[in-house]
Every structure is written in C-alpha cells, then in structure tokens.
C-alpha cells in the first residue's frame, strides 16, 4: 500500500505518493494536476487495465 502525504513546494500544496517510507523518487503533484487526474480518472483506470500485466511469481 502506498504512503500518501501532503507537502509543499514554493508555497504550493503538493500531494506526495510513496511506495515505501524510504522512496527516493516519490510521485508528487499539485492542485492543478490533481484536478486533471480527478477529471480523467476513468481514462486513467482504462489505461491501467489495458497495460497492466500480471506480476511474475
């Protein structure tokens, strides 16, 4: 499960998603991109379903 935190960059609120607490390159974005994600969440889900491959065990 990802770790979700709020941060700040140059006075702007950021959402930070980490795979682990020690993640060196977390996925982070601000309000403008968050709104785009929310607006297009169904397209993002379709993209994941189309390209997600089962993990090798």
N, C-alpha and C. Protein backbone atom coordinates (compact mmCIF):
# COMPACT_ATOMS: atom_id res chain seq x y z
N UNK A 1 0.84 -1.17 0.00
CA UNK A 1 0.00 0.00 0.00
C UNK A 1 0.89 1.24 0.00
N UNK A 2 0.54 2.18 -0.82
CA UNK A 2 1.32 3.41 -0.94
C UNK A 2 1.16 4.29 0.30
N UNK A 3 2.14 5.12 0.52
CA UNK A 3 2.10 6.11 1.59
C UNK A 3 1.72 7.43 0.96
N UNK A 4 0.71 8.08 1.51
CA UNK A 4 0.22 9.34 0.96
C UNK A 4 0.47 10.44 1.99
N UNK A 5 1.14 11.50 1.54
CA UNK A 5 1.44 12.63 2.42
C UNK A 5 1.14 13.93 1.68
N UNK A 6 0.97 14.99 2.43
CA UNK A 6 0.89 16.32 1.84
C UNK A 6 2.21 17.02 2.10
N UNK A 7 2.66 17.78 1.10
CA UNK A 7 3.88 18.53 1.22
C UNK A 7 3.68 19.92 0.65
N UNK A 8 4.79 20.60 0.45
CA UNK A 8 4.73 21.95 -0.08
C UNK A 8 5.94 22.20 -0.95
N UNK A 9 5.75 22.96 -2.01
CA UNK A 9 6.85 23.34 -2.90
C UNK A 9 6.62 24.79 -3.30
N UNK A 10 7.55 25.64 -2.93
CA UNK A 10 7.47 27.07 -3.24
C UNK A 10 6.12 27.66 -2.82
N UNK A 11 5.64 27.25 -1.66
CA UNK A 11 4.40 27.79 -1.12
C UNK A 11 3.14 27.14 -1.65
N UNK A 12 3.28 26.15 -2.52
CA UNK A 12 2.11 25.48 -3.10
C UNK A 12 1.94 24.09 -2.49
N UNK A 13 0.69 23.72 -2.23
CA UNK A 13 0.39 22.41 -1.67
C UNK A 13 0.71 21.32 -2.69
N UNK A 14 1.26 20.22 -2.21
CA UNK A 14 1.62 19.08 -3.05
C UNK A 14 1.07 17.82 -2.41
N UNK A 15 0.68 16.87 -3.24
CA UNK A 15 0.32 15.53 -2.78
C UNK A 15 1.50 14.63 -3.14
N UNK A 16 1.97 13.87 -2.17
CA UNK A 16 3.15 13.04 -2.35
C UNK A 16 2.77 11.58 -2.14
N UNK A 17 3.00 10.74 -3.16
CA UNK A 17 2.71 9.31 -3.09
C UNK A 17 4.03 8.54 -3.09
N UNK A 18 4.22 7.69 -2.10
CA UNK A 18 5.45 6.92 -1.98
C UNK A 18 5.13 5.43 -1.96
N UNK A 19 6.00 4.63 -2.57
CA UNK A 19 5.86 3.17 -2.49
C UNK A 19 6.28 2.66 -1.12
N UNK A 20 7.31 3.28 -0.55
CA UNK A 20 7.80 2.94 0.79
C UNK A 20 8.18 4.24 1.48
N UNK A 21 8.40 4.17 2.77
CA UNK A 21 8.80 5.37 3.52
C UNK A 21 10.13 5.92 3.01
N UNK A 22 11.00 5.04 2.51
CA UNK A 22 12.32 5.45 2.03
C UNK A 22 12.37 5.70 0.53
N UNK A 23 11.23 5.81 -0.13
CA UNK A 23 11.16 6.02 -1.58
C UNK A 23 11.98 7.25 -1.96
N UNK A 24 12.98 7.05 -2.82
CA UNK A 24 13.86 8.16 -3.22
C UNK A 24 13.21 9.09 -4.23
N UNK A 25 12.29 8.58 -5.04
CA UNK A 25 11.64 9.38 -6.07
C UNK A 25 10.12 9.23 -5.99
N UNK A 26 9.50 9.87 -5.01
CA UNK A 26 8.05 9.74 -4.89
C UNK A 26 7.34 10.45 -6.05
N UNK A 27 6.10 10.07 -6.27
CA UNK A 27 5.25 10.70 -7.28
C UNK A 27 4.55 11.86 -6.58
N UNK A 28 4.78 13.06 -7.06
CA UNK A 28 4.18 14.22 -6.40
C UNK A 28 3.63 15.20 -7.42
N UNK A 29 2.53 15.85 -7.03
CA UNK A 29 1.87 16.78 -7.93
C UNK A 29 1.05 17.77 -7.12
N UNK A 30 0.74 18.88 -7.75
CA UNK A 30 -0.01 19.93 -7.09
C UNK A 30 -1.48 19.91 -7.46
N UNK A 31 -2.18 20.95 -7.05
CA UNK A 31 -3.62 21.03 -7.21
C UNK A 31 -4.05 21.00 -8.67
N UNK A 32 -3.36 21.71 -9.53
CA UNK A 32 -3.74 21.77 -10.94
C UNK A 32 -3.72 20.37 -11.58
N UNK A 33 -2.66 19.62 -11.33
CA UNK A 33 -2.58 18.26 -11.89
C UNK A 33 -3.55 17.32 -11.17
N UNK A 34 -3.77 17.53 -9.87
CA UNK A 34 -4.73 16.71 -9.13
C UNK A 34 -6.13 16.86 -9.74
N UNK A 35 -6.49 18.09 -10.11
CA UNK A 35 -7.79 18.32 -10.74
C UNK A 35 -7.89 17.60 -12.08
N UNK A 36 -6.80 17.60 -12.85
CA UNK A 36 -6.79 16.88 -14.12
C UNK A 36 -6.96 15.38 -13.91
N UNK A 37 -6.29 14.86 -12.89
CA UNK A 37 -6.40 13.44 -12.58
C UNK A 37 -7.84 13.09 -12.22
N UNK A 38 -8.45 13.89 -11.34
CA UNK A 38 -9.83 13.64 -10.92
C UNK A 38 -10.77 13.70 -12.13
N UNK A 39 -10.56 14.68 -12.98
CA UNK A 39 -11.41 14.85 -14.16
C UNK A 39 -11.31 13.67 -15.13
N UNK A 40 -10.13 13.03 -15.17
CA UNK A 40 -9.89 11.96 -16.14
C UNK A 40 -9.61 10.61 -15.49
N UNK A 41 -10.12 10.40 -14.28
CA UNK A 41 -9.83 9.17 -13.55
C UNK A 41 -10.29 7.93 -14.30
N UNK A 42 -11.42 8.00 -15.00
CA UNK A 42 -11.89 6.83 -15.75
C UNK A 42 -10.93 6.48 -16.89
N UNK A 43 -10.38 7.49 -17.56
CA UNK A 43 -9.41 7.23 -18.62
C UNK A 43 -8.13 6.63 -18.05
N UNK A 44 -7.72 7.09 -16.87
CA UNK A 44 -6.53 6.54 -16.23
C UNK A 44 -6.75 5.08 -15.86
N UNK A 45 -7.94 4.77 -15.33
CA UNK A 45 -8.27 3.38 -14.97
C UNK A 45 -8.26 2.48 -16.21
N UNK A 46 -8.82 2.95 -17.32
CA UNK A 46 -8.82 2.18 -18.56
C UNK A 46 -7.39 1.93 -19.05
N UNK A 47 -6.55 2.95 -18.94
CA UNK A 47 -5.15 2.83 -19.34
C UNK A 47 -4.45 1.74 -18.51
N UNK A 48 -4.66 1.76 -17.20
CA UNK A 48 -4.04 0.77 -16.33
C UNK A 48 -4.53 -0.63 -16.68
N UNK A 49 -5.84 -0.79 -16.86
CA UNK A 49 -6.39 -2.10 -17.21
C UNK A 49 -5.82 -2.61 -18.53
N UNK A 50 -5.67 -1.71 -19.49
CA UNK A 50 -5.16 -2.10 -20.81
C UNK A 50 -3.71 -2.54 -20.76
N UNK A 51 -2.90 -1.87 -19.96
CA UNK A 51 -1.45 -2.10 -20.00
C UNK A 51 -0.90 -2.88 -18.81
N UNK A 52 -1.72 -3.13 -17.80
CA UNK A 52 -1.24 -3.84 -16.61
C UNK A 52 -1.02 -5.30 -16.94
N UNK A 53 0.13 -5.78 -16.62
CA UNK A 53 0.47 -7.19 -16.85
C UNK A 53 0.59 -7.88 -15.49
N UNK A 54 0.11 -9.10 -15.40
CA UNK A 54 0.26 -9.82 -14.12
C UNK A 54 1.72 -9.92 -13.73
N UNK A 55 1.97 -9.76 -12.45
CA UNK A 55 3.35 -9.86 -11.95
C UNK A 55 3.82 -11.30 -12.01
N UNK A 56 5.08 -11.47 -12.39
CA UNK A 56 5.67 -12.81 -12.42
C UNK A 56 5.89 -13.28 -10.99
N UNK A 57 5.55 -14.55 -10.76
CA UNK A 57 5.71 -15.09 -9.40
C UNK A 57 6.76 -16.15 -9.36
